[in-house]
Amino acid sequence: MNLVLIRNIILWAGWIFAIGGTIYILLRGKVVLGLVKGSIIGRLAMGLMFGFFVQTYLVLILCTALLNYSEKSITIVLPVMIVWLIICLVCWRVMRRTRIEAEKIVKG
């Protein structure tokens, strides 16, 4: 497969996933933060969301810069993107489970 094509697939998929994930997390995170607003859990959740967004976009900016510098950097970027994707999916799962637990606690 052509390196330019692989680079474009990685970049398009990464940025679309990041933007879509950000929108999803902001919308779903708002629900969780509303349930635990003002508590230590709420402050922790806010800090974790902020950290998640920062690391997500920093990884994507770095990967974009490397891939635009040279297509041969795919050997470096692809494993980083795979690990990043796995971490994003784990974060999504944890947030989903946290929201379910918070809703149970609020309902009593």
PDB file of N, CA and C in Angstrom:
ATOM      1  N   MET A   1       0.846  -1.181   0.000  1.00  0.00           N
ATOM      2  CA  MET A   1       0.000   0.000   0.000  1.00  0.00           C
ATOM      3  C   MET A   1       0.890   1.243   0.000  1.00  0.00           C
ATOM      4  N   ASN A   2       0.441   2.263  -0.632  1.00  0.00           N
ATOM      5  CA  ASN A   2       1.156   3.514  -0.763  1.00  0.00           C
ATOM      6  C   ASN A   2       1.278   4.211   0.607  1.00  0.00           C
ATOM      7  N   LEU A   3       2.472   4.695   0.949  1.00  0.00           N
ATOM      8  CA  LEU A   3       2.692   5.350   2.240  1.00  0.00           C
ATOM      9  C   LEU A   3       1.853   6.622   2.393  1.00  0.00           C
ATOM     10  N   VAL A   4       1.651   7.348   1.307  1.00  0.00           N
ATOM     11  CA  VAL A   4       0.851   8.570   1.374  1.00  0.00           C
ATOM     12  C   VAL A   4      -0.601   8.219   1.704  1.00  0.00           C
ATOM     13  N   LEU A   5      -1.109   7.153   1.128  1.00  0.00           N
ATOM     14  CA  LEU A   5      -2.472   6.716   1.409  1.00  0.00           C
ATOM     15  C   LEU A   5      -2.618   6.293   2.871  1.00  0.00           C
ATOM     16  N   ILE A   6      -1.658   5.543   3.363  1.00  0.00           N
ATOM     17  CA  ILE A   6      -1.689   5.123   4.774  1.00  0.00           C
ATOM     18  C   ILE A   6      -1.637   6.335   5.678  1.00  0.00           C
ATOM     19  N   ARG A   7      -0.764   7.290   5.351  1.00  0.00           N
ATOM     20  CA  ARG A   7      -0.662   8.521   6.147  1.00  0.00           C
ATOM     21  C   ARG A   7      -1.997   9.261   6.188  1.00  0.00           C
ATOM     22  N   ASN A   8      -2.629   9.381   5.045  1.00  0.00           N
ATOM     23  CA  ASN A   8      -3.905  10.096   4.986  1.00  0.00           C
ATOM     24  C   ASN A   8      -4.990   9.370   5.772  1.00  0.00           C
ATOM     25  N   ILE A   9      -5.015   8.063   5.694  1.00  0.00           N
ATOM     26  CA  ILE A   9      -5.995   7.286   6.453  1.00  0.00           C
ATOM     27  C   ILE A   9      -5.782   7.484   7.946  1.00  0.00           C
ATOM     28  N   ILE A  10      -4.528   7.405   8.386  1.00  0.00           N
ATOM     29  CA  ILE A  10      -4.216   7.586   9.808  1.00  0.00           C
ATOM     30  C   ILE A  10      -4.651   8.981  10.273  1.00  0.00           C
ATOM     31  N   LEU A  11      -4.310   9.993   9.508  1.00  0.00           N
ATOM     32  CA  LEU A  11      -4.630  11.360   9.919  1.00  0.00           C
ATOM     33  C   LEU A  11      -6.133  11.629   9.903  1.00  0.00           C
ATOM     34  N   TRP A  12      -6.806  11.235   8.841  1.00  0.00           N
ATOM     35  CA  TRP A  12      -8.256  11.453   8.782  1.00  0.00           C
ATOM     36  C   TRP A  12      -8.972  10.702   9.887  1.00  0.00           C
ATOM     37  N   ALA A  13      -8.643   9.435  10.052  1.00  0.00           N
ATOM     38  CA  ALA A  13      -9.306   8.632  11.087  1.00  0.00           C
ATOM     39  C   ALA A  13      -9.008   9.185  12.480  1.00  0.00           C
ATOM     40  N   GLY A  14      -7.757   9.544  12.721  1.00  0.00           N
ATOM     41  CA  GLY A  14      -7.374  10.074  14.029  1.00  0.00           C
ATOM     42  C   GLY A  14      -8.093  11.358  14.377  1.00  0.00           C
ATOM     43  N   TRP A  15      -8.117  12.300  13.438  1.00  0.00           N
ATOM     44  CA  TRP A  15      -8.765  13.581  13.718  1.00  0.00           C
ATOM     45  C   TRP A  15     -10.277  13.453  13.819  1.00  0.00           C
ATOM     46  N   ILE A  16     -10.877  12.634  12.970  1.00  0.00           N
ATOM     47  CA  ILE A  16     -12.330  12.437  13.050  1.00  0.00           C
ATOM     48  C   ILE A  16     -12.694  11.769  14.370  1.00  0.00           C
ATOM     49  N   PHE A  17     -11.931  10.744  14.752  1.00  0.00           N
ATOM     50  CA  PHE A  17     -12.190  10.066  16.017  1.00  0.00           C
ATOM     51  C   PHE A  17     -12.007  11.020  17.192  1.00  0.00           C
ATOM     52  N   ALA A  18     -10.972  11.843  17.158  1.00  0.00           N
ATOM     53  CA  ALA A  18     -10.711  12.772  18.261  1.00  0.00           C
ATOM     54  C   ALA A  18     -11.804  13.822  18.383  1.00  0.00           C
ATOM     55  N   ILE A  19     -12.219  14.393  17.276  1.00  0.00           N
ATOM     56  CA  ILE A  19     -13.259  15.419  17.327  1.00  0.00           C
ATOM     57  C   ILE A  19     -14.591  14.807  17.750  1.00  0.00           C
ATOM     58  N   GLY A  20     -14.923  13.658  17.161  1.00  0.00           N
ATOM     59  CA  GLY A  20     -16.157  12.974  17.561  1.00  0.00           C
ATOM     60  C   GLY A  20     -16.125  12.553  19.017  1.00  0.00           C
ATOM     61  N   GLY A  21     -14.976  12.039  19.465  1.00  0.00           N
ATOM     62  CA  GLY A  21     -14.832  11.640  20.860  1.00  0.00           C
ATOM     63  C   GLY A  21     -14.936  12.813  21.806  1.00  0.00           C
ATOM     64  N   THR A  22     -14.383  13.944  21.410  1.00  0.00           N
ATOM     65  CA  THR A  22     -14.469  15.142  22.239  1.00  0.00           C
ATOM     66  C   THR A  22     -15.916  15.583  22.402  1.00  0.00           C
ATOM     67  N   ILE A  23     -16.645  15.599  21.306  1.00  0.00           N
ATOM     68  CA  ILE A  23     -18.058  15.991  21.372  1.00  0.00           C
ATOM     69  C   ILE A  23     -18.825  15.021  22.259  1.00  0.00           C
ATOM     70  N   TYR A  24     -18.594  13.725  22.067  1.00  0.00           N
ATOM     71  CA  TYR A  24     -19.282  12.714  22.873  1.00  0.00           C
ATOM     72  C   TYR A  24     -18.950  12.871  24.359  1.00  0.00           C
ATOM     73  N   ILE A  25     -17.675  13.011  24.665  1.00  0.00           N
ATOM     74  CA  ILE A  25     -17.260  13.117  26.065  1.00  0.00           C
ATOM     75  C   ILE A  25     -17.810  14.393  26.700  1.00  0.00           C
ATOM     76  N   LEU A  26     -17.816  15.487  25.959  1.00  0.00           N
ATOM     77  CA  LEU A  26     -18.370  16.725  26.512  1.00  0.00           C
ATOM     78  C   LEU A  26     -19.859  16.582  26.807  1.00  0.00           C
ATOM     79  N   LEU A  27     -20.587  15.965  25.898  1.00  0.00           N
ATOM     80  CA  LEU A  27     -22.027  15.802  26.114  1.00  0.00           C
ATOM     81  C   LEU A  27     -22.324  14.816  27.244  1.00  0.00           C
ATOM     82  N   ARG A  28     -21.652  13.685  27.247  1.00  0.00           N
ATOM     83  CA  ARG A  28     -21.882  12.684  28.291  1.00  0.00           C
ATOM     84  C   ARG A  28     -21.242  13.119  29.609  1.00  0.00           C
ATOM     85  N   GLY A  29     -20.110  13.763  29.538  1.00  0.00           N
ATOM     86  CA  GLY A  29     -19.444  14.236  30.744  1.00  0.00           C
ATOM     87  C   GLY A  29     -20.251  15.290  31.468  1.00  0.00           C
ATOM     88  N   LYS A  30     -21.003  16.066  30.709  1.00  0.00           N
ATOM     89  CA  LYS A  30     -21.866  17.081  31.310  1.00  0.00           C
ATOM     90  C   LYS A  30     -22.897  16.425  32.223  1.00  0.00           C
ATOM     91  N   VAL A  31     -23.416  15.277  31.809  1.00  0.00           N
ATOM     92  CA  VAL A  31     -24.383  14.535  32.626  1.00  0.00           C
ATOM     93  C   VAL A  31     -23.734  14.078  33.927  1.00  0.00           C
ATOM     94  N   VAL A  32     -22.553  13.487  33.812  1.00  0.00           N
ATOM     95  CA  VAL A  32     -21.848  12.992  35.001  1.00  0.00           C
ATOM     96  C   VAL A  32     -21.496  14.141  35.928  1.00  0.00           C
ATOM     97  N   LEU A  33     -20.978  15.226  35.367  1.00  0.00           N
ATOM     98  CA  LEU A  33     -20.604  16.370  36.199  1.00  0.00           C
ATOM     99  C   LEU A  33     -21.823  16.983  36.878  1.00  0.00           C
ATOM    100  N   GLY A  34     -22.952  16.952  36.207  1.00  0.00           N
ATOM    101  CA  GLY A  34     -24.186  17.451  36.817  1.00  0.00           C
ATOM    102  C   GLY A  34     -24.602  16.605  38.015  1.00  0.00           C
ATOM    103  N   LEU A  35     -24.330  15.326  37.951  1.00  0.00           N
ATOM    104  CA  LEU A  35     -24.701  14.427  39.047  1.00  0.00           C
ATOM    105  C   LEU A  35     -23.792  14.583  40.263  1.00  0.00           C
ATOM    106  N   VAL A  36     -22.525  14.914  40.021  1.00  0.00           N
ATOM    107  CA  VAL A  36     -21.558  14.972  41.122  1.00  0.00           C
ATOM    108  C   VAL A  36     -20.991  16.380  41.313  1.00  0.00           C
ATOM    109  N   LYS A  37     -21.713  17.369  40.847  1.00  0.00           N
ATOM    110  CA  LYS A  37     -21.262  18.757  40.894  1.00  0.00           C
ATOM    111  C   LYS A  37     -20.928  19.183  42.333  1.00  0.00           C
ATOM    112  N   GLY A  38     -19.786  19.831  42.483  1.00  0.00           N
ATOM    113  CA  GLY A  38     -19.379  20.366  43.767  1.00  0.00           C
ATOM    114  C   GLY A  38     -18.651  19.378  44.670  1.00  0.00           C
ATOM    115  N   SER A  39     -18.691  18.099  44.344  1.00  0.00           N
ATOM    116  CA  SER A  39     -18.016  17.113  45.188  1.00  0.00           C
ATOM    117  C   SER A  39     -16.587  16.902  44.712  1.00  0.00           C
ATOM    118  N   ILE A  40     -15.841  16.184  45.498  1.00  0.00           N
ATOM    119  CA  ILE A  40     -14.468  15.878  45.115  1.00  0.00           C
ATOM    120  C   ILE A  40     -14.444  15.013  43.861  1.00  0.00           C
ATOM    121  N   ILE A  41     -15.446  14.164  43.697  1.00  0.00           N
ATOM    122  CA  ILE A  41     -15.542  13.332  42.499  1.00  0.00           C
ATOM    123  C   ILE A  41     -15.764  14.226  41.273  1.00  0.00           C
ATOM    124  N   GLY A  42     -16.564  15.262  41.409  1.00  0.00           N
ATOM    125  CA  GLY A  42     -16.804  16.198  40.308  1.00  0.00           C
ATOM    126  C   GLY A  42     -15.535  16.917  39.899  1.00  0.00           C
ATOM    127  N   ARG A  43     -14.764  17.358  40.884  1.00  0.00           N
ATOM    128  CA  ARG A  43     -13.502  18.042  40.578  1.00  0.00           C
ATOM    129  C   ARG A  43     -12.514  17.075  39.938  1.00  0.00           C
ATOM    130  N   LEU A  44     -12.481  15.854  40.413  1.00  0.00           N
ATOM    131  CA  LEU A  44     -11.599  14.836  39.837  1.00  0.00           C
ATOM    132  C   LEU A  44     -12.011  14.534  38.399  1.00  0.00           C
ATOM    133  N   ALA A  45     -13.309  14.392  38.165  1.00  0.00           N
ATOM    134  CA  ALA A  45     -13.800  14.118  36.813  1.00  0.00           C
ATOM    135  C   ALA A  45     -13.453  15.260  35.865  1.00  0.00           C
ATOM    136  N   MET A  46     -13.581  16.490  36.327  1.00  0.00           N
ATOM    137  CA  MET A  46     -13.252  17.652  35.494  1.00  0.00           C
ATOM    138  C   MET A  46     -11.762  17.653  35.141  1.00  0.00           C
ATOM    139  N   GLY A  47     -10.928  17.377  36.122  1.00  0.00           N
ATOM    140  CA  GLY A  47      -9.489  17.319  35.868  1.00  0.00           C
ATOM    141  C   GLY A  47      -9.117  16.197  34.913  1.00  0.00           C
ATOM    142  N   LEU A  48      -9.755  15.047  35.063  1.00  0.00           N
ATOM    143  CA  LEU A  48      -9.480  13.926  34.166  1.00  0.00           C
ATOM    144  C   LEU A  48      -9.925  14.228  32.740  1.00  0.00           C
ATOM    145  N   MET A  49     -11.070  14.871  32.600  1.00  0.00           N
ATOM    146  CA  MET A  49     -11.543  15.233  31.254  1.00  0.00           C
ATOM    147  C   MET A  49     -10.590  16.230  30.604  1.00  0.00           C
ATOM    148  N   PHE A  50     -10.152  17.214  31.357  1.00  0.00           N
ATOM    149  CA  PHE A  50      -9.226  18.201  30.816  1.00  0.00           C
ATOM    150  C   PHE A  50      -7.917  17.526  30.393  1.00  0.00           C
ATOM    151  N   GLY A  51      -7.384  16.670  31.255  1.00  0.00           N
ATOM    152  CA  GLY A  51      -6.156  15.950  30.935  1.00  0.00           C
ATOM    153  C   GLY A  51      -6.311  15.060  29.718  1.00  0.00           C
ATOM    154  N   PHE A  52      -7.454  14.422  29.595  1.00  0.00           N
ATOM    155  CA  PHE A  52      -7.718  13.567  28.449  1.00  0.00           C
ATOM    156  C   PHE A  52      -7.720  14.369  27.157  1.00  0.00           C
ATOM    157  N   PHE A  53      -8.365  15.525  27.172  1.00  0.00           N
ATOM    158  CA  PHE A  53      -8.401  16.355  25.967  1.00  0.00           C
ATOM    159  C   PHE A  53      -7.008  16.854  25.600  1.00  0.00           C
ATOM    160  N   VAL A  54      -6.245  17.281  26.573  1.00  0.00           N
ATOM    161  CA  VAL A  54      -4.904  17.789  26.307  1.00  0.00           C
ATOM    162  C   VAL A  54      -4.039  16.689  25.695  1.00  0.00           C
ATOM    163  N   GLN A  55      -4.032  15.504  26.305  1.00  0.00           N
ATOM    164  CA  GLN A  55      -3.183  14.440  25.778  1.00  0.00           C
ATOM    165  C   GLN A  55      -3.659  13.981  24.405  1.00  0.00           C
ATOM    166  N   THR A  56      -4.954  13.971  24.182  1.00  0.00           N
ATOM    167  CA  THR A  56      -5.479  13.551  22.887  1.00  0.00           C
ATOM    168  C   THR A  56      -4.993  14.464  21.776  1.00  0.00           C
ATOM    169  N   TYR A  57      -5.159  15.748  21.976  1.00  0.00           N
ATOM    170  CA  TYR A  57      -4.788  16.666  20.909  1.00  0.00           C
ATOM    171  C   TYR A  57      -3.278  16.829  20.785  1.00  0.00           C
ATOM    172  N   LEU A  58      -2.549  16.696  21.867  1.00  0.00           N
ATOM    173  CA  LEU A  58      -1.086  16.743  21.759  1.00  0.00           C
ATOM    174  C   LEU A  58      -0.552  15.552  20.978  1.00  0.00           C
ATOM    175  N   VAL A  59      -1.098  14.369  21.216  1.00  0.00           N
ATOM    176  CA  VAL A  59      -0.680  13.188  20.462  1.00  0.00           C
ATOM    177  C   VAL A  59      -0.999  13.373  18.982  1.00  0.00           C
ATOM    178  N   LEU A  60      -2.190  13.863  18.691  1.00  0.00           N
ATOM    179  CA  LEU A  60      -2.563  14.046  17.288  1.00  0.00           C
ATOM    180  C   LEU A  60      -1.732  15.122  16.595  1.00  0.00           C
ATOM    181  N   ILE A  61      -1.444  16.190  17.292  1.00  0.00           N
ATOM    182  CA  ILE A  61      -0.607  17.237  16.694  1.00  0.00           C
ATOM    183  C   ILE A  61       0.790  16.702  16.418  1.00  0.00           C
ATOM    184  N   LEU A  62       1.343  15.959  17.361  1.00  0.00           N
ATOM    185  CA  LEU A  62       2.670  15.378  17.174  1.00  0.00           C
ATOM    186  C   LEU A  62       2.675  14.382  16.017  1.00  0.00           C
ATOM    187  N   CYS A  63       1.677  13.523  15.963  1.00  0.00           N
ATOM    188  CA  CYS A  63       1.598  12.541  14.886  1.00  0.00           C
ATOM    189  C   CYS A  63       1.399  13.216  13.534  1.00  0.00           C
ATOM    190  N   THR A  64       0.593  14.256  13.490  1.00  0.00           N
ATOM    191  CA  THR A  64       0.385  14.993  12.244  1.00  0.00           C
ATOM    192  C   THR A  64       1.688  15.632  11.785  1.00  0.00           C
ATOM    193  N   ALA A  65       2.410  16.238  12.705  1.00  0.00           N
ATOM    194  CA  ALA A  65       3.691  16.866  12.351  1.00  0.00           C
ATOM    195  C   ALA A  65       4.684  15.820  11.842  1.00  0.00           C
ATOM    196  N   LEU A  66       4.772  14.692  12.531  1.00  0.00           N
ATOM    197  CA  LEU A  66       5.699  13.649  12.085  1.00  0.00           C
ATOM    198  C   LEU A  66       5.329  13.104  10.715  1.00  0.00           C
ATOM    199  N   LEU A  67       4.053  12.858  10.492  1.00  0.00           N
ATOM    200  CA  LEU A  67       3.633  12.312   9.201  1.00  0.00           C
ATOM    201  C   LEU A  67       3.769  13.323   8.075  1.00  0.00           C
ATOM    202  N   ASN A  68       3.605  14.599   8.371  1.00  0.00           N
ATOM    203  CA  ASN A  68       3.803  15.615   7.339  1.00  0.00           C
ATOM    204  C   ASN A  68       5.281  15.838   7.053  1.00  0.00           C
ATOM    205  N   TYR A  69       6.117  15.550   8.031  1.00  0.00           N
ATOM    206  CA  TYR A  69       7.560  15.673   7.837  1.00  0.00           C
ATOM    207  C   TYR A  69       8.065  14.572   6.913  1.00  0.00           C
ATOM    208  N   SER A  70       7.605  13.339   7.175  1.00  0.00           N
ATOM    209  CA  SER A  70       8.046  12.216   6.359  1.00  0.00           C
ATOM    210  C   SER A  70       7.047  11.069   6.478  1.00  0.00           C
ATOM    211  N   GLU A  71       6.696  10.486   5.352  1.00  0.00           N
ATOM    212  CA  GLU A  71       5.788   9.341   5.375  1.00  0.00           C
ATOM    213  C   GLU A  71       6.441   8.132   6.040  1.00  0.00           C
ATOM    214  N   LYS A  72       7.758   8.108   6.066  1.00  0.00           N
ATOM    215  CA  LYS A  72       8.473   6.980   6.672  1.00  0.00           C
ATOM    216  C   LYS A  72       8.299   6.930   8.192  1.00  0.00           C
ATOM    217  N   SER A  73       7.793   8.005   8.774  1.00  0.00           N
ATOM    218  CA  SER A  73       7.564   8.022  10.217  1.00  0.00           C
ATOM    219  C   SER A  73       6.314   7.228  10.602  1.00  0.00           C
ATOM    220  N   ILE A  74       5.683   6.596   9.625  1.00  0.00           N
ATOM    221  CA  ILE A  74       4.515   5.747   9.906  1.00  0.00           C
ATOM    222  C   ILE A  74       4.894   4.639  10.884  1.00  0.00           C
ATOM    223  N   THR A  75       6.118   4.147  10.794  1.00  0.00           N
ATOM    224  CA  THR A  75       6.556   3.067  11.705  1.00  0.00           C
ATOM    225  C   THR A  75       6.582   3.535  13.160  1.00  0.00           C
ATOM    226  N   ILE A  76       6.710   4.828  13.372  1.00  0.00           N
ATOM    227  CA  ILE A  76       6.672   5.382  14.726  1.00  0.00           C
ATOM    228  C   ILE A  76       5.244   5.747  15.106  1.00  0.00           C
ATOM    229  N   VAL A  77       4.535   6.372  14.183  1.00  0.00           N
ATOM    230  CA  VAL A  77       3.214   6.918  14.471  1.00  0.00           C
ATOM    231  C   VAL A  77       2.156   5.832  14.627  1.00  0.00           C
ATOM    232  N   LEU A  78       2.187   4.808  13.807  1.00  0.00           N
ATOM    233  CA  LEU A  78       1.138   3.790  13.845  1.00  0.00           C
ATOM    234  C   LEU A  78       1.020   3.106  15.202  1.00  0.00           C
ATOM    235  N   PRO A  79       2.125   2.652  15.821  1.00  0.00           N
ATOM    236  CA  PRO A  79       1.980   2.068  17.164  1.00  0.00           C
ATOM    237  C   PRO A  79       1.471   3.071  18.197  1.00  0.00           C
ATOM    238  N   VAL A  80       1.908   4.314  18.087  1.00  0.00           N
ATOM    239  CA  VAL A  80       1.445   5.355  19.012  1.00  0.00           C
ATOM    240  C   VAL A  80      -0.056   5.551  18.858  1.00  0.00           C
ATOM    241  N   MET A  81      -0.523   5.599  17.625  1.00  0.00           N
ATOM    242  CA  MET A  81      -1.953   5.797  17.371  1.00  0.00           C
ATOM    243  C   MET A  81      -2.773   4.599  17.862  1.00  0.00           C
ATOM    244  N   ILE A  82      -2.244   3.396  17.721  1.00  0.00           N
ATOM    245  CA  ILE A  82      -2.962   2.208  18.194  1.00  0.00           C
ATOM    246  C   ILE A  82      -3.084   2.231  19.710  1.00  0.00           C
ATOM    247  N   VAL A  83      -2.004   2.542  20.399  1.00  0.00           N
ATOM    248  CA  VAL A  83      -2.044   2.642  21.868  1.00  0.00           C
ATOM    249  C   VAL A  83      -2.983   3.759  22.282  1.00  0.00           C
ATOM    250  N   TRP A  84      -2.924   4.895  21.599  1.00  0.00           N
ATOM    251  CA  TRP A  84      -3.809   6.020  21.889  1.00  0.00           C
ATOM    252  C   TRP A  84      -5.265   5.610  21.730  1.00  0.00           C
ATOM    253  N   LEU A  85      -5.584   4.870  20.668  1.00  0.00           N
ATOM    254  CA  LEU A  85      -6.951   4.417  20.434  1.00  0.00           C
ATOM    255  C   LEU A  85      -7.420   3.488  21.548  1.00  0.00           C
ATOM    256  N   ILE A  86      -6.561   2.589  21.972  1.00  0.00           N
ATOM    257  CA  ILE A  86      -6.910   1.671  23.067  1.00  0.00           C
ATOM    258  C   ILE A  86      -7.183   2.453  24.349  1.00  0.00           C
ATOM    259  N   ILE A  87      -6.337   3.428  24.645  1.00  0.00           N
ATOM    260  CA  ILE A  87      -6.531   4.253  25.846  1.00  0.00           C
ATOM    261  C   ILE A  87      -7.842   5.030  25.758  1.00  0.00           C
ATOM    262  N   CYS A  88      -8.152   5.562  24.586  1.00  0.00           N
ATOM    263  CA  CYS A  88      -9.414   6.292  24.407  1.00  0.00           C
ATOM    264  C   CYS A  88     -10.606   5.379  24.662  1.00  0.00           C
ATOM    265  N   LEU A  89     -10.553   4.167  24.160  1.00  0.00           N
ATOM    266  CA  LEU A  89     -11.658   3.227  24.362  1.00  0.00           C
ATOM    267  C   LEU A  89     -11.801   2.833  25.831  1.00  0.00           C
ATOM    268  N   VAL A  90     -10.685   2.663  26.520  1.00  0.00           N
ATOM    269  CA  VAL A  90     -10.730   2.351  27.957  1.00  0.00           C
ATOM    270  C   VAL A  90     -11.318   3.534  28.722  1.00  0.00           C
ATOM    271  N   CYS A  91     -10.905   4.748  28.378  1.00  0.00           N
ATOM    272  CA  CYS A  91     -11.461   5.942  29.032  1.00  0.00           C
ATOM    273  C   CYS A  91     -12.957   6.045  28.797  1.00  0.00           C
ATOM    274  N   TRP A  92     -13.401   5.761  27.572  1.00  0.00           N
ATOM    275  CA  TRP A  92     -14.827   5.797  27.271  1.00  0.00           C
ATOM    276  C   TRP A  92     -15.575   4.789  28.136  1.00  0.00           C
ATOM    277  N   ARG A  93     -15.025   3.582  28.259  1.00  0.00           N
ATOM    278  CA  ARG A  93     -15.672   2.536  29.061  1.00  0.00           C
ATOM    279  C   ARG A  93     -15.753   2.945  30.532  1.00  0.00           C
ATOM    280  N   VAL A  94     -14.666   3.492  31.058  1.00  0.00           N
ATOM    281  CA  VAL A  94     -14.653   3.928  32.458  1.00  0.00           C
ATOM    282  C   VAL A  94     -15.665   5.046  32.674  1.00  0.00           C
ATOM    283  N   MET A  95     -15.714   6.007  31.757  1.00  0.00           N
ATOM    284  CA  MET A  95     -16.659   7.103  31.910  1.00  0.00           C
ATOM    285  C   MET A  95     -18.099   6.594  31.842  1.00  0.00           C
ATOM    286  N   ARG A  96     -18.356   5.659  30.959  1.00  0.00           N
ATOM    287  CA  ARG A  96     -19.698   5.096  30.836  1.00  0.00           C
ATOM    288  C   ARG A  96     -20.107   4.385  32.122  1.00  0.00           C
ATOM    289  N   ARG A  97     -19.204   3.579  32.662  1.00  0.00           N
ATOM    290  CA  ARG A  97     -19.500   2.871  33.903  1.00  0.00           C
ATOM    291  C   ARG A  97     -19.643   3.839  35.071  1.00  0.00           C
ATOM    292  N   THR A  98     -18.846   4.897  35.094  1.00  0.00           N
ATOM    293  CA  THR A  98     -18.938   5.896  36.150  1.00  0.00           C
ATOM    294  C   THR A  98     -20.284   6.612  36.091  1.00  0.00           C
ATOM    295  N   ARG A  99     -20.728   6.946  34.894  1.00  0.00           N
ATOM    296  CA  ARG A  99     -22.025   7.603  34.741  1.00  0.00           C
ATOM    297  C   ARG A  99     -23.142   6.695  35.247  1.00  0.00           C
ATOM    298  N   ILE A 100     -23.093   5.427  34.924  1.00  0.00           N
ATOM    299  CA  ILE A 100     -24.116   4.482  35.376  1.00  0.00           C
ATOM    300  C   ILE A 100     -24.118   4.380  36.901  1.00  0.00           C
ATOM    301  N   GLU A 101     -22.937   4.291  37.497  1.00  0.00           N
ATOM    302  CA  GLU A 101     -22.832   4.213  38.958  1.00  0.00           C
ATOM    303  C   GLU A 101     -23.313   5.501  39.618  1.00  0.00           C
ATOM    304  N   ALA A 102     -22.944   6.649  39.036  1.00  0.00           N
ATOM    305  CA  ALA A 102     -23.401   7.930  39.608  1.00  0.00           C
ATOM    306  C   ALA A 102     -24.909   8.053  39.545  1.00  0.00           C
ATOM    307  N   GLU A 103     -25.499   7.605  38.460  1.00  0.00           N
ATOM    308  CA  GLU A 103     -26.960   7.642  38.352  1.00  0.00           C
ATOM    309  C   GLU A 103     -27.601   6.742  39.387  1.00  0.00           C
ATOM    310  N   LYS A 104     -27.002   5.578  39.662  1.00  0.00           N
ATOM    311  CA  LYS A 104     -27.528   4.677  40.702  1.00  0.00           C
ATOM    312  C   LYS A 104     -27.445   5.333  42.068  1.00  0.00           C
ATOM    313  N   ILE A 105     -26.340   5.992  42.354  1.00  0.00           N
ATOM    314  CA  ILE A 105     -26.147   6.646  43.646  1.00  0.00           C
ATOM    315  C   ILE A 105     -27.171   7.770  43.830  1.00  0.00           C
ATOM    316  N   VAL A 106     -27.380   8.568  42.798  1.00  0.00           N
ATOM    317  CA  VAL A 106     -28.314   9.685  42.878  1.00  0.00           C
ATOM    318  C   VAL A 106     -29.748   9.178  43.079  1.00  0.00           C
ATOM    319  N   LYS A 107     -30.104   8.092  42.402  1.00  0.00           N
ATOM    320  CA  LYS A 107     -31.457   7.538  42.547  1.00  0.00           C
ATOM    321  C   LYS A 107     -31.696   6.893  43.904  1.00  0.00           C
ATOM    322  N   GLY A 108     -30.615   6.482  44.534  1.00  0.00           N
ATOM    323  CA  GLY A 108     -30.740   5.934  45.887  1.00  0.00           C
ATOM    324  C   GLY A 108     -30.685   4.506  45.976  1.00  0.00           C
TER     325      GLY A 108
END
